[in-house]
């Protein structure tokens, strides 16, 4: 039998409450928690000697329990004749001074300023559900009238947005407002078990209105108050606590490997993000040690964008390796200080324990896991603001292979590494990079180098595999084009990033003449300042729109390129394709690219498309323009590099991999090492390996 309202409007109906209490009979109904869960905050704001008006008392035992601990000046009112009669009969002998009256809370008849406190447990919520909140406004006006100066309205509420807005209309001016967020009611034996947390709204009446709003939020009954600047900030803070409790309610209901909820913990003093927690459950079929319920994994600083920690697939692999029923993966934020692993554990423990899976024994030990036992290392070496993309950060981090890396991060998508280069330092020796998803971490102390300027970019090392594939794709031009130093190898690249790709081609392909088109002047400045990018007569940058530049080149005529590369990302995150923007793969533009290529020319495209239907559409358009298209997927990534030939070539059939490609790859590799004498670094790339998995589209 349902004893709770079927619709919100029923809360405001006197007839509803009459039916409710008749059905309920003798059994007390503890609306939003009992005395034990509320006494801490109630005793803080209501003193035993004070006259207290209890609004909408119902048949709760709260007034009786307050009376029993010394509160003997309680006046209880309720709209239900049934409940008032019942409560008076129940207390006539044991508590003769505890009175219950059938009174309309909007018209009490009590004298102005006759109470020092008003206690409301759920009544405001019930009245606010009436259309347009007329009853609630009337009740709040009446409470304000009967309270003395310095008196407090103490309201236990679920703090739904419309309820808080109604309260703030009345109390934001001339009152001090404080909200305590208490733990959500999770008692399964209770008739009323809420996923939402319970709040206690405390409004104190001033003699004169304050020139500014006094709005505060407290966590728990004894939490330190944090001042909020506006009602909208107060509403946001309430919503955050409600969302968190809804998450806890879901997590306590069971494990779900298909869902990976996350939440951000902020610095209480500044409000700035400090930790991001992602919950990763193991599937029911996983074979786990019986006692492995729960663990916390601390992601090393600066590594949160790595595949293992920053992608859903990587986190699932991490959880599979850890072998716990539930793994909470913790990422630390930039601009925050962290002393050591022990300090982080102490700070996180109270919060993360609330995320434990159901069924975990109360005394279960919860391990904190990490890579090598330390917090990792990150140094922000540069900051700036792009007029096109907003704030950015240039950061040096230590990778799991022990090397230092420099990264460009745009703050509007802080989980994505926009550009990355390996750094040369005395702490590490140059060697071929490993697959960082699978290699074992090598952890060392923070770099001994004293400043970021003392670290130089290793221009012979390409961090992005798709850049390596694009360089290897030069072998598609044939041995003659590679070995002919008297003929300039003209290249057009749209999208600069950190400049690692065009700089590599410039340094190790002496015949190359590279033109880069970059839309954002800030990106060029970052590349030159922090990523070792240097222009000269063989490497030039044009600032402007890549689409317009290609149209202009074709319209002018007389321009041709051996290679055209697109490596530009889309700023529209709603699309299923993050690279390139859709306009770059429209048939009309692809035809212009085709026209700008020499007969043996190659068009290279970094394609990142999660939408299979969209990918199919893009490939059809490309195939309609280019007679020969090859694809090289990137392991563990969505990226694939498309190598599109203007001509099907001679000596082989269209849509087949050229038989001579392997030999040309070897020639290209040799030419790189021949160029090493004049280059500032040693090239670290395996051309043959990059072309091994080439597929015909």
Foldseek 3Di string as FASTA:
>chain_A
DDLDDPALLLLQDLVSLQVNDVVVDPDAADFQDACVQCVLQCCVADPQVWAEEEEAPFRGCRVVVSVVVRNLRYEYEHQHPVRQVVNCVVPCPPRVSHHYYHAQLLCRPDAFQQGQEYEAECSLSSQCSHPPSPSNLSNLVSVNGNHHQQGKYKYKDLPDPSSLVSVCVRQQWQKAKEKEWGAFACDPPHPDGDLGTIMIIIIGGHPHTDPAGHYWYAYHSPGDTDTDRDVVRVSVVRVLRRVVSNVLVVQQVADDQVDWDKDFDADPVPRHTFKIKIKHFADPPQDAPPLQFEEEEQEAAPCCLPLLRVDSVNVNVVCSVVRHRMYIYMYGDPPDDDDWPVRVCVVCVVPCVSNTYHPRDPPRDYYYHYQVRTRFDKDFADWDAFPVQGIKTWMWGQAQQRWIKIFIARPVCRSDTQAMFTKDDPRDDDDFDDDSSPDRGDDDDDDPDDHLVVIATFLQDGPDLLLLLVLLLVLLLDQCVQPPLVAAAEEEEEDQALNSSVSNCVQQRVRYQYEYEYAIPVRVVCSVPRVVDDDDRRYYYDHHDPQVVLVVDLVVDPAAHQEYEYDDFDPDPVAQWGPDPPVCQDLVNLLSNLVRYDQFHKYKGWTQGPDPVVVVVSVVSNVVQAQWWKWQDDPSGSIIMIIGTSDCDPPDDGQDDDPCSLVSSVSSVVSRQVSVVVGPHRRRGRSNVSCVRMHTD
